Amino acid sequence: MARLDGGAFEIRALGLGVRTHRYKLIHYYQINEWELFDLQEDPGELKSVHEDKEYAGVVKELGEARGLKLFRE
């Protein structure tokens, strides 16, 4: 749990992830949700590109590298 500006709190589900210099892939396994961030294009991690077909190869490659078998096809 991390404190946000204004005293609010953000609650995150537990997850597993992998990060390279350019990408960060996270699987929140408790809620079965995914995020992929292109850290070169979005260093603030504001918009997940996990559902963007342009990044399908990145999702597959990073998922396989970490042994994450639940990535989208």
Protein backbone atom coordinates (compact mmCIF):
# COMPACT_ATOMS: atom_id res chain seq x y z
CA MET A 1 0.00 0.00 0.00
CA ALA A 2 1.46 3.36 -1.03
CA ARG A 3 0.43 6.80 0.14
CA LEU A 4 -0.75 9.11 -2.62
CA ASP A 5 -0.93 12.93 -2.59
CA GLY A 6 -3.75 14.25 -0.43
CA GLY A 7 -3.54 11.44 2.11
CA ALA A 8 -5.32 8.83 -0.03
CA PHE A 9 -4.06 5.27 -0.24
CA GLU A 10 -3.70 3.01 -3.23
CA ILE A 11 -4.16 -0.73 -2.75
CA ARG A 12 -2.51 -3.08 -5.24
CA ALA A 13 -3.03 -6.78 -5.70
CA LEU A 14 -0.04 -9.08 -5.36
CA GLY A 15 1.75 -9.75 -8.59
CA LEU A 16 4.80 -11.02 -10.40
CA GLY A 17 6.75 -9.11 -12.97
CA VAL A 18 9.79 -8.74 -15.12
CA ARG A 19 11.61 -5.58 -16.11
CA THR A 20 14.17 -4.77 -18.77
CA HIS A 21 15.73 -1.40 -19.48
CA ARG A 22 12.81 -0.65 -21.80
CA TYR A 23 9.79 -2.66 -20.59
CA LYS A 24 8.00 -3.65 -17.41
CA LEU A 25 5.48 -6.53 -17.48
CA ILE A 26 3.38 -7.20 -14.38
CA HIS A 27 0.80 -9.92 -13.75
CA TYR A 28 -1.46 -9.24 -10.76
CA TYR A 29 -2.29 -12.88 -10.16
CA GLN A 30 -4.86 -12.28 -7.41
CA ILE A 31 -7.10 -10.44 -9.86
CA ASN A 32 -5.67 -11.91 -13.11
CA GLU A 33 -4.83 -8.55 -14.67
CA TRP A 34 -1.78 -7.55 -16.69
CA GLU A 35 0.13 -4.34 -17.30
CA LEU A 36 2.94 -3.66 -19.74
CA PHE A 37 4.76 -0.35 -19.74
CA ASP A 38 7.12 0.91 -22.42
CA LEU A 39 9.51 2.81 -20.17
CA GLN A 40 11.14 4.58 -23.11
CA GLU A 41 7.85 6.00 -24.39
CA ASP A 42 6.10 6.30 -20.99
CA PRO A 43 8.69 6.67 -18.20
CA GLY A 44 5.97 7.65 -15.72
CA GLU A 45 4.14 4.35 -16.31
CA LEU A 46 0.85 6.14 -16.94
CA LYS A 47 -0.60 3.95 -19.71
CA SER A 48 -0.38 0.18 -19.97
CA VAL A 49 0.16 -1.07 -23.52
CA HIS A 50 -0.55 -4.71 -22.66
CA GLU A 51 -3.61 -4.86 -24.93
CA ASP A 52 -1.86 -3.06 -27.81
CA LYS A 53 -1.27 -5.62 -30.59
CA GLU A 54 1.97 -3.82 -31.49
CA TYR A 55 3.44 -5.10 -28.20
CA ALA A 56 2.20 -8.72 -28.43
CA GLY A 57 5.72 -10.01 -29.13
CA VAL A 58 7.12 -8.15 -26.12
CA VAL A 59 4.42 -9.62 -23.86
CA LYS A 60 5.17 -13.13 -25.08
CA GLU A 61 8.95 -12.76 -24.85
CA LEU A 62 8.95 -11.26 -21.35
CA GLY A 63 6.35 -13.73 -20.11
CA GLU A 64 8.36 -16.69 -21.35
CA ALA A 65 11.58 -15.26 -19.91
CA ARG A 66 10.06 -15.28 -16.43
CA GLY A 67 8.15 -18.53 -16.85
CA LEU A 68 4.82 -16.69 -16.71
CA LYS A 69 2.51 -18.99 -18.60
CA LEU A 70 -0.68 -16.96 -18.34
CA PHE A 71 0.16 -14.23 -20.85
CA ARG A 72 -2.38 -13.49 -23.56
CA GLU A 73 -1.95 -15.18 -26.91
